[in-house]
């Protein structure tokens, strides 16, 4: 059963864990993201990543600045509902909770649409992989273009240089298929990696799911480089935790590699 106290917390704070003030202290106060200002792009960061991967968001902010991208955050970004309501309901196969989770998700996302439209934005940019399928289901509820952070960077990032070899894992999007039947386009990430001179990219089989033990074993056994790059925030957390005991292997999100390629 969905916890009404958690629903009330999201309605009050926007975020599903912690407070809006704590989140903005990191994103606005420490990283310098613009908040609540008119902008061409509005970035949806999600509820977990400001403290789960602040270094990645800092790299993304650096790219936004150096590429002169007109981008801001919402004053009060609402949780999409997947982590607190949707995923538990789907895992429990509770149809009543699934239906209510969808209603709550629609309410919260539409409020984010409303705020972004009021800021004059043309596009809503999604950073969190868990948010994306819920937004995909509601694309027709807004005049905004809804894109990924990879799509955004692909429009503005022209070239970089990095003499390195990486393994690239796009993710399998297995959980996504439980939320939406709409296709997902992840081609922008490979285009971006292809713009980095000197970078050798080994593609990892994205039919493998890093949350399935036998798939994870095959995935890790097939790694060729010391750096594994992904665009999926969920895969990032899982692989980073799973590979901690494997010496000499690091997991990075795409913005980290792009930013590194501009450092000369």
C-alpha atoms as a PDB file:
ATOM      1  CA  UNK A   1       0.000   0.000   0.000  1.00  0.00           C
ATOM      2  CA  UNK A   2       1.308   3.454  -0.906  1.00  0.00           C
ATOM      3  CA  UNK A   3       2.357   5.440   2.142  1.00  0.00           C
ATOM      4  CA  UNK A   4       0.325   8.664   2.287  1.00  0.00           C
ATOM      5  CA  UNK A   5       3.006  10.250   4.461  1.00  0.00           C
ATOM      6  CA  UNK A   6       5.477   9.855   1.602  1.00  0.00           C
ATOM      7  CA  UNK A   7       2.969  11.350  -0.819  1.00  0.00           C
ATOM      8  CA  UNK A   8       2.558  14.315   1.527  1.00  0.00           C
ATOM      9  CA  UNK A   9       6.339  14.673   1.785  1.00  0.00           C
ATOM     10  CA  UNK A  10       6.714  14.876  -1.993  1.00  0.00           C
ATOM     11  CA  UNK A  11       3.892  17.385  -2.246  1.00  0.00           C
ATOM     12  CA  UNK A  12       5.617  19.542   0.367  1.00  0.00           C
ATOM     13  CA  UNK A  13       9.248  19.116  -0.711  1.00  0.00           C
ATOM     14  CA  UNK A  14       9.096  17.964  -4.323  1.00  0.00           C
ATOM     15  CA  UNK A  15      11.841  15.451  -3.606  1.00  0.00           C
ATOM     16  CA  UNK A  16      11.050  11.947  -2.300  1.00  0.00           C
ATOM     17  CA  UNK A  17      13.903  11.907   0.210  1.00  0.00           C
ATOM     18  CA  UNK A  18      15.428  14.715   2.221  1.00  0.00           C
ATOM     19  CA  UNK A  19      14.391  18.295   1.643  1.00  0.00           C
ATOM     20  CA  UNK A  20      14.268  20.659  -1.308  1.00  0.00           C
ATOM     21  CA  UNK A  21      16.577  23.027   0.564  1.00  0.00           C
ATOM     22  CA  UNK A  22      19.224  20.315   0.972  1.00  0.00           C
ATOM     23  CA  UNK A  23      19.065  19.503  -2.720  1.00  0.00           C
ATOM     24  CA  UNK A  24      19.296  23.130  -3.825  1.00  0.00           C
ATOM     25  CA  UNK A  25      22.170  23.739  -1.423  1.00  0.00           C
ATOM     26  CA  UNK A  26      24.205  21.277  -3.488  1.00  0.00           C
ATOM     27  CA  UNK A  27      22.946  22.061  -6.983  1.00  0.00           C
ATOM     28  CA  UNK A  28      22.563  25.819  -6.694  1.00  0.00           C
ATOM     29  CA  UNK A  29      24.807  26.726  -3.778  1.00  0.00           C
ATOM     30  CA  UNK A  30      27.782  24.460  -4.461  1.00  0.00           C
ATOM     31  CA  UNK A  31      27.563  23.811  -8.208  1.00  0.00           C
ATOM     32  CA  UNK A  32      26.055  27.064  -9.380  1.00  0.00           C
ATOM     33  CA  UNK A  33      23.050  25.788 -11.332  1.00  0.00           C
ATOM     34  CA  UNK A  34      20.567  28.514 -12.175  1.00  0.00           C
ATOM     35  CA  UNK A  35      17.211  27.917 -10.494  1.00  0.00           C
ATOM     36  CA  UNK A  36      13.780  29.206 -11.439  1.00  0.00           C
ATOM     37  CA  UNK A  37      15.122  31.447 -14.213  1.00  0.00           C
ATOM     38  CA  UNK A  38      13.906  31.741 -17.795  1.00  0.00           C
ATOM     39  CA  UNK A  39      15.885  29.365 -19.996  1.00  0.00           C
ATOM     40  CA  UNK A  40      15.692  27.441 -23.248  1.00  0.00           C
ATOM     41  CA  UNK A  41      16.290  24.146 -21.458  1.00  0.00           C
ATOM     42  CA  UNK A  42      15.063  22.987 -18.045  1.00  0.00           C
ATOM     43  CA  UNK A  43      17.034  20.122 -16.499  1.00  0.00           C
ATOM     44  CA  UNK A  44      15.305  17.479 -14.352  1.00  0.00           C
ATOM     45  CA  UNK A  45      17.979  16.007 -12.068  1.00  0.00           C
ATOM     46  CA  UNK A  46      15.943  13.477 -10.054  1.00  0.00           C
ATOM     47  CA  UNK A  47      15.749  12.903  -6.310  1.00  0.00           C
ATOM     48  CA  UNK A  48      18.926  10.933  -5.643  1.00  0.00           C
ATOM     49  CA  UNK A  49      21.775  12.172  -7.784  1.00  0.00           C
ATOM     50  CA  UNK A  50      22.723  15.435  -6.071  1.00  0.00           C
ATOM     51  CA  UNK A  51      24.193  13.331  -3.261  1.00  0.00           C
ATOM     52  CA  UNK A  52      24.563   9.986  -5.069  1.00  0.00           C
ATOM     53  CA  UNK A  53      26.757  11.260  -7.904  1.00  0.00           C
ATOM     54  CA  UNK A  54      27.479  14.958  -7.321  1.00  0.00           C
ATOM     55  CA  UNK A  55      30.732  14.720  -9.283  1.00  0.00           C
ATOM     56  CA  UNK A  56      28.758  13.679 -12.373  1.00  0.00           C
ATOM     57  CA  UNK A  57      26.315  16.559 -12.071  1.00  0.00           C
ATOM     58  CA  UNK A  58      29.286  18.879 -11.539  1.00  0.00           C
ATOM     59  CA  UNK A  59      30.804  17.612 -14.799  1.00  0.00           C
ATOM     60  CA  UNK A  60      27.470  18.154 -16.536  1.00  0.00           C
ATOM     61  CA  UNK A  61      27.266  21.689 -15.138  1.00  0.00           C
ATOM     62  CA  UNK A  62      30.799  22.388 -16.392  1.00  0.00           C
ATOM     63  CA  UNK A  63      29.795  21.218 -19.869  1.00  0.00           C
ATOM     64  CA  UNK A  64      26.670  23.373 -19.790  1.00  0.00           C
ATOM     65  CA  UNK A  65      28.813  26.384 -18.940  1.00  0.00           C
ATOM     66  CA  UNK A  66      31.632  25.860 -21.429  1.00  0.00           C
ATOM     67  CA  UNK A  67      29.195  25.017 -24.234  1.00  0.00           C
ATOM     68  CA  UNK A  68      27.083  28.097 -23.432  1.00  0.00           C
ATOM     69  CA  UNK A  69      23.860  26.110 -23.012  1.00  0.00           C
ATOM     70  CA  UNK A  70      20.945  28.174 -21.711  1.00  0.00           C
ATOM     71  CA  UNK A  71      19.778  25.828 -18.959  1.00  0.00           C
ATOM     72  CA  UNK A  72      18.136  26.130 -15.542  1.00  0.00           C
ATOM     73  CA  UNK A  73      16.524  24.000 -12.850  1.00  0.00           C
ATOM     74  CA  UNK A  74      12.988  24.235 -11.525  1.00  0.00           C
ATOM     75  CA  UNK A  75      12.375  26.052  -8.266  1.00  0.00           C
ATOM     76  CA  UNK A  76      10.551  22.961  -6.996  1.00  0.00           C
ATOM     77  CA  UNK A  77      11.166  19.846  -9.061  1.00  0.00           C
ATOM     78  CA  UNK A  78       8.681  17.087  -8.253  1.00  0.00           C
ATOM     79  CA  UNK A  79       9.607  13.418  -7.983  1.00  0.00           C
ATOM     80  CA  UNK A  80       8.321  11.300 -10.889  1.00  0.00           C
ATOM     81  CA  UNK A  81       7.111   8.672  -8.414  1.00  0.00           C
ATOM     82  CA  UNK A  82       8.909   5.631  -9.816  1.00  0.00           C
ATOM     83  CA  UNK A  83      11.316   4.925  -6.964  1.00  0.00           C
ATOM     84  CA  UNK A  84       8.944   5.560  -4.007  1.00  0.00           C
ATOM     85  CA  UNK A  85       5.687   4.235  -5.529  1.00  0.00           C
ATOM     86  CA  UNK A  86       5.976   2.765  -9.004  1.00  0.00           C
ATOM     87  CA  UNK A  87       8.788   0.265  -8.573  1.00  0.00           C
ATOM     88  CA  UNK A  88       7.488  -1.179  -5.263  1.00  0.00           C
ATOM     89  CA  UNK A  89       3.999  -1.525  -6.756  1.00  0.00           C
ATOM     90  CA  UNK A  90       5.304  -3.245  -9.895  1.00  0.00           C
ATOM     91  CA  UNK A  91       7.537  -5.586  -7.904  1.00  0.00           C
ATOM     92  CA  UNK A  92       4.613  -6.495  -5.617  1.00  0.00           C
ATOM     93  CA  UNK A  93       2.261  -6.870  -8.620  1.00  0.00           C
ATOM     94  CA  UNK A  94      -0.291  -4.798  -6.715  1.00  0.00           C
ATOM     95  CA  UNK A  95      -2.657  -3.501  -9.399  1.00  0.00           C
ATOM     96  CA  UNK A  96      -4.347  -0.961  -7.111  1.00  0.00           C
ATOM     97  CA  UNK A  97      -0.997   0.530  -6.125  1.00  0.00           C
ATOM     98  CA  UNK A  98       0.192   0.491  -9.739  1.00  0.00           C
ATOM     99  CA  UNK A  99      -2.894   2.464 -10.786  1.00  0.00           C
ATOM    100  CA  UNK A 100      -2.465   4.996  -7.978  1.00  0.00           C
ATOM    101  CA  UNK A 101       1.270   5.307  -8.640  1.00  0.00           C
ATOM    102  CA  UNK A 102       0.483   6.216 -12.259  1.00  0.00           C
ATOM    103  CA  UNK A 103      -1.999   8.867 -11.115  1.00  0.00           C
ATOM    104  CA  UNK A 104       0.523  10.390  -8.707  1.00  0.00           C
ATOM    105  CA  UNK A 105       3.249  10.313 -11.345  1.00  0.00           C
ATOM    106  CA  UNK A 106       0.986  12.113 -13.804  1.00  0.00           C
ATOM    107  CA  UNK A 107       0.149  14.784 -11.224  1.00  0.00           C
ATOM    108  CA  UNK A 108       3.779  15.420 -10.302  1.00  0.00           C
ATOM    109  CA  UNK A 109       5.156  15.403 -13.847  1.00  0.00           C
ATOM    110  CA  UNK A 110       2.439  17.704 -15.111  1.00  0.00           C
ATOM    111  CA  UNK A 111       3.421  20.189 -12.407  1.00  0.00           C
ATOM    112  CA  UNK A 112       7.021  20.030 -13.640  1.00  0.00           C
ATOM    113  CA  UNK A 113       5.746  20.634 -17.175  1.00  0.00           C
ATOM    114  CA  UNK A 114       3.743  23.630 -15.960  1.00  0.00           C
ATOM    115  CA  UNK A 115       6.752  25.181 -14.211  1.00  0.00           C
ATOM    116  CA  UNK A 116       9.060  24.636 -17.179  1.00  0.00           C
ATOM    117  CA  UNK A 117       6.546  26.142 -19.583  1.00  0.00           C
ATOM    118  CA  UNK A 118       6.169  29.166 -17.302  1.00  0.00           C
ATOM    119  CA  UNK A 119       9.935  29.707 -17.558  1.00  0.00           C
ATOM    120  CA  UNK A 120       9.655  29.888 -21.340  1.00  0.00           C
ATOM    121  CA  UNK A 121      11.544  26.633 -21.859  1.00  0.00           C
ATOM    122  CA  UNK A 122      11.447  24.855 -25.191  1.00  0.00           C
ATOM    123  CA  UNK A 123      12.827  21.555 -23.924  1.00  0.00           C
ATOM    124  CA  UNK A 124      12.809  19.480 -20.758  1.00  0.00           C
ATOM    125  CA  UNK A 125      16.054  17.562 -20.256  1.00  0.00           C
ATOM    126  CA  UNK A 126      16.078  14.326 -18.236  1.00  0.00           C
ATOM    127  CA  UNK A 127      19.172  13.214 -16.337  1.00  0.00           C
ATOM    128  CA  UNK A 128      17.657  10.397 -14.284  1.00  0.00           C
ATOM    129  CA  UNK A 129      17.069   7.098 -16.089  1.00  0.00           C
ATOM    130  CA  UNK A 130      14.343   6.136 -13.605  1.00  0.00           C
ATOM    131  CA  UNK A 131      12.366   9.273 -14.491  1.00  0.00           C
ATOM    132  CA  UNK A 132      12.531   8.852 -18.263  1.00  0.00           C
ATOM    133  CA  UNK A 133       9.837   6.204 -18.917  1.00  0.00           C
ATOM    134  CA  UNK A 134       7.230   8.052 -16.843  1.00  0.00           C
ATOM    135  CA  UNK A 135       7.944  11.231 -18.804  1.00  0.00           C
ATOM    136  CA  UNK A 136       7.802   9.245 -22.057  1.00  0.00           C
ATOM    137  CA  UNK A 137       4.245   8.219 -21.250  1.00  0.00           C
ATOM    138  CA  UNK A 138       3.235  11.864 -20.779  1.00  0.00           C
ATOM    139  CA  UNK A 139       5.008  13.542 -23.706  1.00  0.00           C
ATOM    140  CA  UNK A 140       1.679  14.475 -25.257  1.00  0.00           C
ATOM    141  CA  UNK A 141       0.671  16.384 -22.113  1.00  0.00           C
ATOM    142  CA  UNK A 142       3.040  19.280 -22.830  1.00  0.00           C
ATOM    143  CA  UNK A 143       4.217  21.503 -25.661  1.00  0.00           C
ATOM    144  CA  UNK A 144       7.774  20.946 -24.403  1.00  0.00           C
ATOM    145  CA  UNK A 145      10.234  18.743 -26.220  1.00  0.00           C
ATOM    146  CA  UNK A 146      11.356  16.018 -23.771  1.00  0.00           C
ATOM    147  CA  UNK A 147      14.942  14.863 -24.340  1.00  0.00           C
ATOM    148  CA  UNK A 148      17.798  13.154 -22.523  1.00  0.00           C
ATOM    149  CA  UNK A 149      20.952  14.843 -21.271  1.00  0.00           C
ATOM    150  CA  UNK A 150      22.808  12.946 -24.014  1.00  0.00           C
ATOM    151  CA  UNK A 151      20.532  14.490 -26.650  1.00  0.00           C
ATOM    152  CA  UNK A 152      21.208  17.939 -25.197  1.00  0.00           C
ATOM    153  CA  UNK A 153      24.978  17.516 -25.189  1.00  0.00           C
ATOM    154  CA  UNK A 154      24.961  16.007 -28.681  1.00  0.00           C
ATOM    155  CA  UNK A 155      23.503  19.267 -29.995  1.00  0.00           C
ATOM    156  CA  UNK A 156      26.254  21.410 -28.506  1.00  0.00           C
ATOM    157  CA  UNK A 157      29.376  19.270 -28.048  1.00  0.00           C
ATOM    158  CA  UNK A 158      31.484  19.506 -31.204  1.00  0.00           C
ATOM    159  CA  UNK A 159      34.738  17.732 -30.412  1.00  0.00           C
ATOM    160  CA  UNK A 160      37.096  16.614 -27.677  1.00  0.00           C
ATOM    161  CA  UNK A 161      40.366  14.748 -27.347  1.00  0.00           C
ATOM    162  CA  UNK A 162      41.258  11.908 -24.999  1.00  0.00           C
ATOM    163  CA  UNK A 163      43.855   9.219 -25.544  1.00  0.00           C
ATOM    164  CA  UNK A 164      42.103   6.376 -23.763  1.00  0.00           C
ATOM    165  CA  UNK A 165      40.105   3.182 -24.177  1.00  0.00           C
ATOM    166  CA  UNK A 166      36.693   2.670 -22.609  1.00  0.00           C
ATOM    167  CA  UNK A 167      33.983   0.052 -22.554  1.00  0.00           C
ATOM    168  CA  UNK A 168      30.544   1.544 -23.201  1.00  0.00           C
ATOM    169  CA  UNK A 169      27.364   0.008 -21.790  1.00  0.00           C
ATOM    170  CA  UNK A 170      24.124   1.717 -22.800  1.00  0.00           C
ATOM    171  CA  UNK A 171      22.017  -0.362 -20.410  1.00  0.00           C
ATOM    172  CA  UNK A 172      19.313  -2.908 -21.213  1.00  0.00           C
ATOM    173  CA  UNK A 173      16.247  -0.856 -20.112  1.00  0.00           C
ATOM    174  CA  UNK A 174      14.598  -4.001 -18.787  1.00  0.00           C
ATOM    175  CA  UNK A 175      12.754  -2.158 -16.012  1.00  0.00           C
ATOM    176  CA  UNK A 176      11.707   0.535 -18.472  1.00  0.00           C
ATOM    177  CA  UNK A 177       9.628  -1.974 -20.388  1.00  0.00           C
ATOM    178  CA  UNK A 178       7.489  -2.456 -17.293  1.00  0.00           C
ATOM    179  CA  UNK A 179       6.469   1.198 -17.418  1.00  0.00           C
ATOM    180  CA  UNK A 180       6.168   2.088 -21.093  1.00  0.00           C
ATOM    181  CA  UNK A 181       6.034   0.397 -24.489  1.00  0.00           C
ATOM    182  CA  UNK A 182       7.394   3.485 -26.218  1.00  0.00           C
ATOM    183  CA  UNK A 183      10.866   3.090 -27.783  1.00  0.00           C
ATOM    184  CA  UNK A 184      13.921   4.796 -26.338  1.00  0.00           C
ATOM    185  CA  UNK A 185      16.655   6.316 -28.498  1.00  0.00           C
ATOM    186  CA  UNK A 186      20.122   6.166 -26.929  1.00  0.00           C
ATOM    187  CA  UNK A 187      22.089   6.786 -30.137  1.00  0.00           C
ATOM    188  CA  UNK A 188      23.238  10.260 -29.029  1.00  0.00           C
ATOM    189  CA  UNK A 189      25.687   8.770 -26.523  1.00  0.00           C
ATOM    190  CA  UNK A 190      27.635   6.856 -29.156  1.00  0.00           C
ATOM    191  CA  UNK A 191      27.678   9.909 -31.409  1.00  0.00           C
ATOM    192  CA  UNK A 192      29.162  11.910 -28.556  1.00  0.00           C
ATOM    193  CA  UNK A 193      31.843   9.327 -27.818  1.00  0.00           C
ATOM    194  CA  UNK A 194      32.627   9.290 -31.539  1.00  0.00           C
ATOM    195  CA  UNK A 195      33.376  13.018 -31.404  1.00  0.00           C
ATOM    196  CA  UNK A 196      36.299  12.430 -29.029  1.00  0.00           C
ATOM    197  CA  UNK A 197      39.535  12.112 -30.984  1.00  0.00           C
ATOM    198  CA  UNK A 198      41.857   9.424 -29.660  1.00  0.00           C
ATOM    199  CA  UNK A 199      39.162   7.554 -27.750  1.00  0.00           C
ATOM    200  CA  UNK A 200      38.714   3.851 -28.459  1.00  0.00           C
ATOM    201  CA  UNK A 201      35.217   2.637 -27.595  1.00  0.00           C
ATOM    202  CA  UNK A 202      34.317  -1.008 -27.024  1.00  0.00           C
ATOM    203  CA  UNK A 203      30.560  -1.554 -27.022  1.00  0.00           C
ATOM    204  CA  UNK A 204      29.260  -3.907 -24.337  1.00  0.00           C
ATOM    205  CA  UNK A 205      26.302  -6.149 -25.184  1.00  0.00           C
ATOM    206  CA  UNK A 206      23.273  -4.142 -24.039  1.00  0.00           C
ATOM    207  CA  UNK A 207      21.025  -7.201 -24.030  1.00  0.00           C
ATOM    208  CA  UNK A 208      22.776  -8.076 -20.758  1.00  0.00           C
ATOM    209  CA  UNK A 209      21.126  -6.712 -17.608  1.00  0.00           C
ATOM    210  CA  UNK A 210      23.555  -5.705 -14.884  1.00  0.00           C
ATOM    211  CA  UNK A 211      20.896  -6.514 -12.250  1.00  0.00           C
ATOM    212  CA  UNK A 212      20.728 -10.187 -13.302  1.00  0.00           C
ATOM    213  CA  UNK A 213      23.669 -12.034 -11.667  1.00  0.00           C
ATOM    214  CA  UNK A 214      24.474 -14.306 -14.600  1.00  0.00           C
ATOM    215  CA  UNK A 215      24.285 -11.355 -17.015  1.00  0.00           C
ATOM    216  CA  UNK A 216      26.468  -9.240 -14.735  1.00  0.00           C
ATOM    217  CA  UNK A 217      29.089 -11.988 -14.655  1.00  0.00           C
ATOM    218  CA  UNK A 218      29.154 -12.183 -18.450  1.00  0.00           C
ATOM    219  CA  UNK A 219      29.243  -8.386 -18.709  1.00  0.00           C
ATOM    220  CA  UNK A 220      32.179  -7.972 -16.349  1.00  0.00           C
ATOM    221  CA  UNK A 221      34.093 -10.913 -17.808  1.00  0.00           C
ATOM    222  CA  UNK A 222      33.898  -9.273 -21.226  1.00  0.00           C
ATOM    223  CA  UNK A 223      35.347  -5.910 -20.161  1.00  0.00           C
ATOM    224  CA  UNK A 224      38.458  -4.928 -22.091  1.00  0.00           C
ATOM    225  CA  UNK A 225      39.305  -1.500 -20.652  1.00  0.00           C
ATOM    226  CA  UNK A 226      39.855  -0.082 -17.177  1.00  0.00           C
ATOM    227  CA  UNK A 227      36.958   2.372 -17.580  1.00  0.00           C
ATOM    228  CA  UNK A 228      33.317   1.408 -18.044  1.00  0.00           C
ATOM    229  CA  UNK A 229      31.060   4.227 -19.274  1.00  0.00           C
ATOM    230  CA  UNK A 230      27.266   4.281 -19.082  1.00  0.00           C
ATOM    231  CA  UNK A 231      24.395   6.737 -19.543  1.00  0.00           C
ATOM    232  CA  UNK A 232      21.961   4.969 -17.205  1.00  0.00           C
ATOM    233  CA  UNK A 233      21.983   6.273 -13.639  1.00  0.00           C
ATOM    234  CA  UNK A 234      20.595   3.003 -12.309  1.00  0.00           C
ATOM    235  CA  UNK A 235      23.279   0.957 -14.060  1.00  0.00           C
ATOM    236  CA  UNK A 236      25.909   3.398 -12.810  1.00  0.00           C
ATOM    237  CA  UNK A 237      25.043   2.839  -9.156  1.00  0.00           C
ATOM    238  CA  UNK A 238      24.741  -0.915  -9.544  1.00  0.00           C
ATOM    239  CA  UNK A 239      27.935  -1.391 -11.542  1.00  0.00           C
ATOM    240  CA  UNK A 240      29.918   0.948  -9.320  1.00  0.00           C
ATOM    241  CA  UNK A 241      28.898  -1.092  -6.295  1.00  0.00           C
ATOM    242  CA  UNK A 242      29.442  -4.449  -7.958  1.00  0.00           C
ATOM    243  CA  UNK A 243      32.855  -3.571  -9.380  1.00  0.00           C
ATOM    244  CA  UNK A 244      34.273  -2.016  -6.225  1.00  0.00           C
ATOM    245  CA  UNK A 245      36.076  -5.258  -5.458  1.00  0.00           C
ATOM    246  CA  UNK A 246      37.581  -5.450  -8.929  1.00  0.00           C
ATOM    247  CA  UNK A 247      40.911  -3.589  -8.867  1.00  0.00           C
ATOM    248  CA  UNK A 248      41.746  -1.255 -11.698  1.00  0.00           C
ATOM    249  CA  UNK A 249      38.194  -0.812 -13.027  1.00  0.00           C
ATOM    250  CA  UNK A 250      36.256   2.442 -12.676  1.00  0.00           C
ATOM    251  CA  UNK A 251      32.687   3.246 -13.680  1.00  0.00           C
ATOM    252  CA  UNK A 252      31.877   6.646 -15.167  1.00  0.00           C
ATOM    253  CA  UNK A 253      28.844   8.449 -16.498  1.00  0.00           C
ATOM    254  CA  UNK A 254      29.102   9.961 -19.966  1.00  0.00           C
ATOM    255  CA  UNK A 255      29.402  13.630 -18.835  1.00  0.00           C
ATOM    256  CA  UNK A 256      32.589  12.795 -16.926  1.00  0.00           C
ATOM    257  CA  UNK A 257      34.283  11.481 -20.061  1.00  0.00           C
ATOM    258  CA  UNK A 258      33.109  14.386 -22.204  1.00  0.00           C
ATOM    259  CA  UNK A 259      34.367  16.915 -19.663  1.00  0.00           C
ATOM    260  CA  UNK A 260      37.672  15.072 -19.357  1.00  0.00           C
ATOM    261  CA  UNK A 261      38.087  15.241 -23.149  1.00  0.00           C
ATOM    262  CA  UNK A 262      37.954  19.047 -23.004  1.00  0.00           C
ATOM    263  CA  UNK A 263      40.695  19.373 -20.389  1.00  0.00           C
ATOM    264  CA  UNK A 264      43.516  19.308 -22.895  1.00  0.00           C
END
